[in-house]
């Protein structure tokens, strides 16, 4: 497989994906179900913690 061109690798991936049986559910997610995905949005204070960590790291390494 390592000797295949990029286009041949993509074709192989497509063939393998098409051969997956629908009965073989590879996704743990349920259709039409809403999932809460945490994001950094509205994570107030995260920036301050990041800056504090960077400053602490800088004082230990002697840079800045």
PDB file of N, CA and C in Angstrom:
ATOM      1  N   UNK A   1       0.824  -1.195   0.000  1.00  0.00           N
ATOM      2  CA  UNK A   1       0.000   0.000   0.000  1.00  0.00           C
ATOM      3  C   UNK A   1       0.862   1.250   0.000  1.00  0.00           C
ATOM      4  N   UNK A   2       2.025   1.192   0.630  1.00  0.00           N
ATOM      5  CA  UNK A   2       2.882   2.379   0.709  1.00  0.00           C
ATOM      6  C   UNK A   2       3.378   2.811  -0.670  1.00  0.00           C
ATOM      7  N   UNK A   3       3.393   1.900  -1.616  1.00  0.00           N
ATOM      8  CA  UNK A   3       3.888   2.219  -2.949  1.00  0.00           C
ATOM      9  C   UNK A   3       2.806   2.808  -3.852  1.00  0.00           C
ATOM     10  N   UNK A   4       1.575   2.842  -3.390  1.00  0.00           N
ATOM     11  CA  UNK A   4       0.493   3.403  -4.192  1.00  0.00           C
ATOM     12  C   UNK A   4       0.615   4.921  -4.253  1.00  0.00           C
ATOM     13  N   UNK A   5       0.122   5.483  -5.344  1.00  0.00           N
ATOM     14  CA  UNK A   5       0.080   6.944  -5.463  1.00  0.00           C
ATOM     15  C   UNK A   5      -1.033   7.478  -4.558  1.00  0.00           C
ATOM     16  N   UNK A   6      -1.053   8.774  -4.369  1.00  0.00           N
ATOM     17  CA  UNK A   6      -2.084   9.388  -3.527  1.00  0.00           C
ATOM     18  C   UNK A   6      -3.483   9.098  -4.068  1.00  0.00           C
ATOM     19  N   UNK A   7      -3.638   9.178  -5.385  1.00  0.00           N
ATOM     20  CA  UNK A   7      -4.954   8.914  -5.986  1.00  0.00           C
ATOM     21  C   UNK A   7      -5.355   7.451  -5.796  1.00  0.00           C
ATOM     22  N   UNK A   8      -4.397   6.544  -5.907  1.00  0.00           N
ATOM     23  CA  UNK A   8      -4.693   5.125  -5.711  1.00  0.00           C
ATOM     24  C   UNK A   8      -5.069   4.840  -4.260  1.00  0.00           C
ATOM     25  N   UNK A   9      -4.414   5.521  -3.328  1.00  0.00           N
ATOM     26  CA  UNK A   9      -4.745   5.351  -1.901  1.00  0.00           C
ATOM     27  C   UNK A   9      -6.154   5.847  -1.627  1.00  0.00           C
ATOM     28  N   UNK A  10      -6.517   6.978  -2.215  1.00  0.00           N
ATOM     29  CA  UNK A  10      -7.876   7.495  -2.036  1.00  0.00           C
ATOM     30  C   UNK A  10      -8.913   6.539  -2.607  1.00  0.00           C
ATOM     31  N   UNK A  11      -8.612   5.956  -3.748  1.00  0.00           N
ATOM     32  CA  UNK A  11      -9.531   4.991  -4.356  1.00  0.00           C
ATOM     33  C   UNK A  11      -9.676   3.764  -3.458  1.00  0.00           C
ATOM     34  N   UNK A  12      -8.558   3.307  -2.874  1.00  0.00           N
ATOM     35  CA  UNK A  12      -8.601   2.174  -1.955  1.00  0.00           C
ATOM     36  C   UNK A  12      -9.459   2.491  -0.735  1.00  0.00           C
ATOM     37  N   UNK A  13      -9.289   3.689  -0.196  1.00  0.00           N
ATOM     38  CA  UNK A  13     -10.112   4.104   0.945  1.00  0.00           C
ATOM     39  C   UNK A  13     -11.590   4.091   0.568  1.00  0.00           C
ATOM     40  N   UNK A  14     -11.884   4.595  -0.616  1.00  0.00           N
ATOM     41  CA  UNK A  14     -13.283   4.620  -1.079  1.00  0.00           C
ATOM     42  C   UNK A  14     -13.832   3.207  -1.205  1.00  0.00           C
ATOM     43  N   UNK A  15     -13.063   2.302  -1.768  1.00  0.00           N
ATOM     44  CA  UNK A  15     -13.510   0.913  -1.924  1.00  0.00           C
ATOM     45  C   UNK A  15     -13.762   0.280  -0.561  1.00  0.00           C
ATOM     46  N   UNK A  16     -12.832   0.486   0.365  1.00  0.00           N
ATOM     47  CA  UNK A  16     -12.996  -0.094   1.701  1.00  0.00           C
ATOM     48  C   UNK A  16     -14.218   0.485   2.411  1.00  0.00           C
ATOM     49  N   UNK A  17     -14.429   1.781   2.278  1.00  0.00           N
ATOM     50  CA  UNK A  17     -15.583   2.416   2.915  1.00  0.00           C
ATOM     51  C   UNK A  17     -16.887   1.895   2.335  1.00  0.00           C
ATOM     52  N   UNK A  18     -16.909   1.699   1.029  1.00  0.00           N
ATOM     53  CA  UNK A  18     -18.125   1.194   0.384  1.00  0.00           C
ATOM     54  C   UNK A  18     -18.411  -0.250   0.787  1.00  0.00           C
ATOM     55  N   UNK A  19     -17.374  -0.997   1.123  1.00  0.00           N
ATOM     56  CA  UNK A  19     -17.547  -2.397   1.494  1.00  0.00           C
ATOM     57  C   UNK A  19     -17.967  -2.589   2.945  1.00  0.00           C
ATOM     58  N   UNK A  20     -17.969  -1.529   3.709  1.00  0.00           N
ATOM     59  CA  UNK A  20     -18.441  -1.656   5.088  1.00  0.00           C
ATOM     60  C   UNK A  20     -19.926  -1.984   5.069  1.00  0.00           C
ATOM     61  N   UNK A  21     -20.285  -2.977   5.791  1.00  0.00           N
ATOM     62  CA  UNK A  21     -21.686  -3.365   5.854  1.00  0.00           C
ATOM     63  C   UNK A  21     -22.465  -2.356   6.687  1.00  0.00           C
ATOM     64  N   UNK A  22     -23.671  -2.076   6.258  1.00  0.00           N
ATOM     65  CA  UNK A  22     -24.528  -1.184   7.040  1.00  0.00           C
ATOM     66  C   UNK A  22     -24.818  -1.805   8.404  1.00  0.00           C
ATOM     67  N   UNK A  23     -24.841  -3.119   8.458  1.00  0.00           N
ATOM     68  CA  UNK A  23     -25.076  -3.810   9.731  1.00  0.00           C
ATOM     69  C   UNK A  23     -23.924  -3.579  10.712  1.00  0.00           C
ATOM     70  N   UNK A  24     -22.738  -3.308  10.186  1.00  0.00           N
ATOM     71  CA  UNK A  24     -21.601  -3.015  11.044  1.00  0.00           C
ATOM     72  C   UNK A  24     -21.625  -1.528  11.367  1.00  0.00           C
ATOM     73  N   UNK A  25     -22.249  -1.186  12.457  1.00  0.00           N
ATOM     74  CA  UNK A  25     -22.358   0.217  12.831  1.00  0.00           C
ATOM     75  C   UNK A  25     -21.023   0.676  13.410  1.00  0.00           C
ATOM     76  N   UNK A  26     -20.312   1.509  12.643  1.00  0.00           N
ATOM     77  CA  UNK A  26     -19.007   1.977  13.099  1.00  0.00           C
ATOM     78  C   UNK A  26     -19.119   3.273  13.900  1.00  0.00           C
ATOM     79  N   UNK A  27     -20.299   3.793  14.016  1.00  0.00           N
ATOM     80  CA  UNK A  27     -20.488   5.046  14.736  1.00  0.00           C
ATOM     81  C   UNK A  27     -21.252   4.799  16.036  1.00  0.00           C
ATOM     82  N   UNK A  28     -20.727   5.281  17.138  1.00  0.00           N
ATOM     83  CA  UNK A  28     -21.450   5.124  18.401  1.00  0.00           C
ATOM     84  C   UNK A  28     -22.587   6.148  18.556  1.00  0.00           C
ATOM     85  N   UNK A  29     -22.683   7.077  17.611  1.00  0.00           N
ATOM     86  CA  UNK A  29     -23.708   8.116  17.706  1.00  0.00           C
ATOM     87  C   UNK A  29     -25.016   7.613  17.120  1.00  0.00           C
ATOM     88  N   UNK A  30     -26.106   8.088  17.714  1.00  0.00           N
ATOM     89  CA  UNK A  30     -27.431   7.691  17.241  1.00  0.00           C
ATOM     90  C   UNK A  30     -27.971   8.756  16.291  1.00  0.00           C
ATOM     91  N   UNK A  31     -28.606   8.331  15.198  1.00  0.00           N
ATOM     92  CA  UNK A  31     -29.169   9.304  14.266  1.00  0.00           C
ATOM     93  C   UNK A  31     -30.246  10.162  14.926  1.00  0.00           C
ATOM     94  N   UNK A  32     -30.279  11.420  14.583  1.00  0.00           N
ATOM     95  CA  UNK A  32     -31.279  12.391  15.019  1.00  0.00           C
ATOM     96  C   UNK A  32     -31.220  12.701  16.511  1.00  0.00           C
ATOM     97  N   UNK A  33     -30.181  12.263  17.203  1.00  0.00           N
ATOM     98  CA  UNK A  33     -30.023  12.586  18.614  1.00  0.00           C
ATOM     99  C   UNK A  33     -29.134  13.817  18.722  1.00  0.00           C
ATOM    100  N   UNK A  34     -29.441  14.689  19.648  1.00  0.00           N
ATOM    101  CA  UNK A  34     -28.655  15.905  19.850  1.00  0.00           C
ATOM    102  C   UNK A  34     -27.599  15.632  20.905  1.00  0.00           C
ATOM    103  N   UNK A  35     -26.355  15.960  20.580  1.00  0.00           N
ATOM    104  CA  UNK A  35     -25.234  15.754  21.494  1.00  0.00           C
ATOM    105  C   UNK A  35     -24.637  17.102  21.879  1.00  0.00           C
ATOM    106  N   UNK A  36     -24.341  17.267  23.139  1.00  0.00           N
ATOM    107  CA  UNK A  36     -23.698  18.480  23.633  1.00  0.00           C
ATOM    108  C   UNK A  36     -22.191  18.319  23.476  1.00  0.00           C
ATOM    109  N   UNK A  37     -21.591  19.164  22.649  1.00  0.00           N
ATOM    110  CA  UNK A  37     -20.157  19.101  22.428  1.00  0.00           C
ATOM    111  C   UNK A  37     -19.503  20.304  23.093  1.00  0.00           C
ATOM    112  N   UNK A  38     -18.702  20.084  24.122  1.00  0.00           N
ATOM    113  CA  UNK A  38     -18.061  21.213  24.791  1.00  0.00           C
ATOM    114  C   UNK A  38     -17.064  21.917  23.873  1.00  0.00           C
ATOM    115  N   UNK A  39     -17.077  23.223  23.903  1.00  0.00           N
ATOM    116  CA  UNK A  39     -16.151  24.031  23.113  1.00  0.00           C
ATOM    117  C   UNK A  39     -15.543  25.094  24.020  1.00  0.00           C
ATOM    118  N   UNK A  40     -14.490  25.748  23.566  1.00  0.00           N
ATOM    119  CA  UNK A  40     -13.897  26.803  24.394  1.00  0.00           C
ATOM    120  C   UNK A  40     -14.740  28.077  24.440  1.00  0.00           C
ATOM    121  N   UNK A  41     -15.813  28.149  23.649  1.00  0.00           N
ATOM    122  CA  UNK A  41     -16.673  29.331  23.678  1.00  0.00           C
ATOM    123  C   UNK A  41     -17.298  29.476  25.060  1.00  0.00           C
ATOM    124  N   UNK A  42     -17.362  30.677  25.538  1.00  0.00           N
ATOM    125  CA  UNK A  42     -17.926  31.001  26.851  1.00  0.00           C
ATOM    126  C   UNK A  42     -17.161  30.333  27.996  1.00  0.00           C
ATOM    127  N   UNK A  43     -15.912  30.001  27.762  1.00  0.00           N
ATOM    128  CA  UNK A  43     -15.070  29.465  28.834  1.00  0.00           C
ATOM    129  C   UNK A  43     -14.300  30.632  29.445  1.00  0.00           C
ATOM    130  N   UNK A  44     -15.022  31.444  30.156  1.00  0.00           N
ATOM    131  CA  UNK A  44     -14.441  32.652  30.721  1.00  0.00           C
ATOM    132  C   UNK A  44     -13.369  32.284  31.736  1.00  0.00           C
ATOM    133  N   UNK A  45     -12.266  32.964  31.684  1.00  0.00           N
ATOM    134  CA  UNK A  45     -11.167  32.687  32.583  1.00  0.00           C
ATOM    135  C   UNK A  45     -10.113  31.787  31.973  1.00  0.00           C
ATOM    136  N   UNK A  46     -10.436  31.138  30.875  1.00  0.00           N
ATOM    137  CA  UNK A  46      -9.467  30.238  30.253  1.00  0.00           C
ATOM    138  C   UNK A  46      -8.259  31.009  29.753  1.00  0.00           C
ATOM    139  N   UNK A  47      -8.478  32.192  29.206  1.00  0.00           N
ATOM    140  CA  UNK A  47      -7.373  33.021  28.726  1.00  0.00           C
ATOM    141  C   UNK A  47      -6.454  33.438  29.856  1.00  0.00           C
ATOM    142  N   UNK A  48      -7.041  33.806  30.989  1.00  0.00           N
ATOM    143  CA  UNK A  48      -6.238  34.211  32.145  1.00  0.00           C
ATOM    144  C   UNK A  48      -5.401  33.037  32.660  1.00  0.00           C
ATOM    145  N   UNK A  49      -5.983  31.866  32.690  1.00  0.00           N
ATOM    146  CA  UNK A  49      -5.242  30.678  33.143  1.00  0.00           C
ATOM    147  C   UNK A  49      -4.115  30.362  32.165  1.00  0.00           C
ATOM    148  N   UNK A  50      -4.377  30.503  30.871  1.00  0.00           N
ATOM    149  CA  UNK A  50      -3.344  30.269  29.870  1.00  0.00           C
ATOM    150  C   UNK A  50      -2.194  31.257  30.047  1.00  0.00           C
ATOM    151  N   UNK A  51      -2.514  32.543  30.229  1.00  0.00           N
ATOM    152  CA  UNK A  51      -1.460  33.546  30.421  1.00  0.00           C
ATOM    153  C   UNK A  51      -0.666  33.271  31.692  1.00  0.00           C
ATOM    154  N   UNK A  52      -1.345  32.895  32.760  1.00  0.00           N
ATOM    155  CA  UNK A  52      -0.671  32.576  34.013  1.00  0.00           C
ATOM    156  C   UNK A  52       0.287  31.396  33.814  1.00  0.00           C
ATOM    157  N   UNK A  53      -0.155  30.383  33.090  1.00  0.00           N
ATOM    158  CA  UNK A  53       0.677  29.216  32.825  1.00  0.00           C
ATOM    159  C   UNK A  53       1.884  29.596  31.974  1.00  0.00           C
ATOM    160  N   UNK A  54       1.661  30.443  30.956  1.00  0.00           N
ATOM    161  CA  UNK A  54       2.770  30.881  30.111  1.00  0.00           C
ATOM    162  C   UNK A  54       3.782  31.693  30.909  1.00  0.00           C
ATOM    163  N   UNK A  55       3.293  32.580  31.759  1.00  0.00           N
ATOM    164  CA  UNK A  55       4.214  33.377  32.582  1.00  0.00           C
ATOM    165  C   UNK A  55       5.009  32.488  33.531  1.00  0.00           C
ATOM    166  N   UNK A  56       4.351  31.523  34.144  1.00  0.00           N
ATOM    167  CA  UNK A  56       5.033  30.609  35.049  1.00  0.00           C
ATOM    168  C   UNK A  56       6.099  29.811  34.288  1.00  0.00           C
ATOM    169  N   UNK A  57       5.740  29.379  33.089  1.00  0.00           N
ATOM    170  CA  UNK A  57       6.687  28.639  32.257  1.00  0.00           C
ATOM    171  C   UNK A  57       7.876  29.515  31.879  1.00  0.00           C
ATOM    172  N   UNK A  58       7.599  30.797  31.568  1.00  0.00           N
ATOM    173  CA  UNK A  58       8.661  31.716  31.182  1.00  0.00           C
ATOM    174  C   UNK A  58       9.619  32.003  32.332  1.00  0.00           C
ATOM    175  N   UNK A  59       9.086  32.129  33.543  1.00  0.00           N
ATOM    176  CA  UNK A  59       9.968  32.401  34.680  1.00  0.00           C
ATOM    177  C   UNK A  59      10.855  31.199  34.981  1.00  0.00           C
ATOM    178  N   UNK A  60      10.358  30.017  34.700  1.00  0.00           N
ATOM    179  CA  UNK A  60      11.161  28.815  34.925  1.00  0.00           C
ATOM    180  C   UNK A  60      12.232  28.634  33.859  1.00  0.00           C
ATOM    181  N   UNK A  61      11.923  29.045  32.619  1.00  0.00           N
ATOM    182  CA  UNK A  61      12.879  28.851  31.529  1.00  0.00           C
ATOM    183  C   UNK A  61      13.812  30.042  31.378  1.00  0.00           C
ATOM    184  N   UNK A  62      13.455  31.179  31.977  1.00  0.00           N
ATOM    185  CA  UNK A  62      14.302  32.360  31.919  1.00  0.00           C
ATOM    186  C   UNK A  62      14.142  33.182  30.656  1.00  0.00           C
ATOM    187  N   UNK A  63      13.137  32.889  29.848  1.00  0.00           N
ATOM    188  CA  UNK A  63      12.912  33.687  28.638  1.00  0.00           C
ATOM    189  C   UNK A  63      11.867  34.760  28.897  1.00  0.00           C
ATOM    190  N   UNK A  64      11.678  35.646  27.946  1.00  0.00           N
ATOM    191  CA  UNK A  64      10.790  36.804  27.976  1.00  0.00           C
ATOM    192  C   UNK A  64      11.411  37.823  28.787  1.00  0.00           C
TER     193      UNK A  64
END
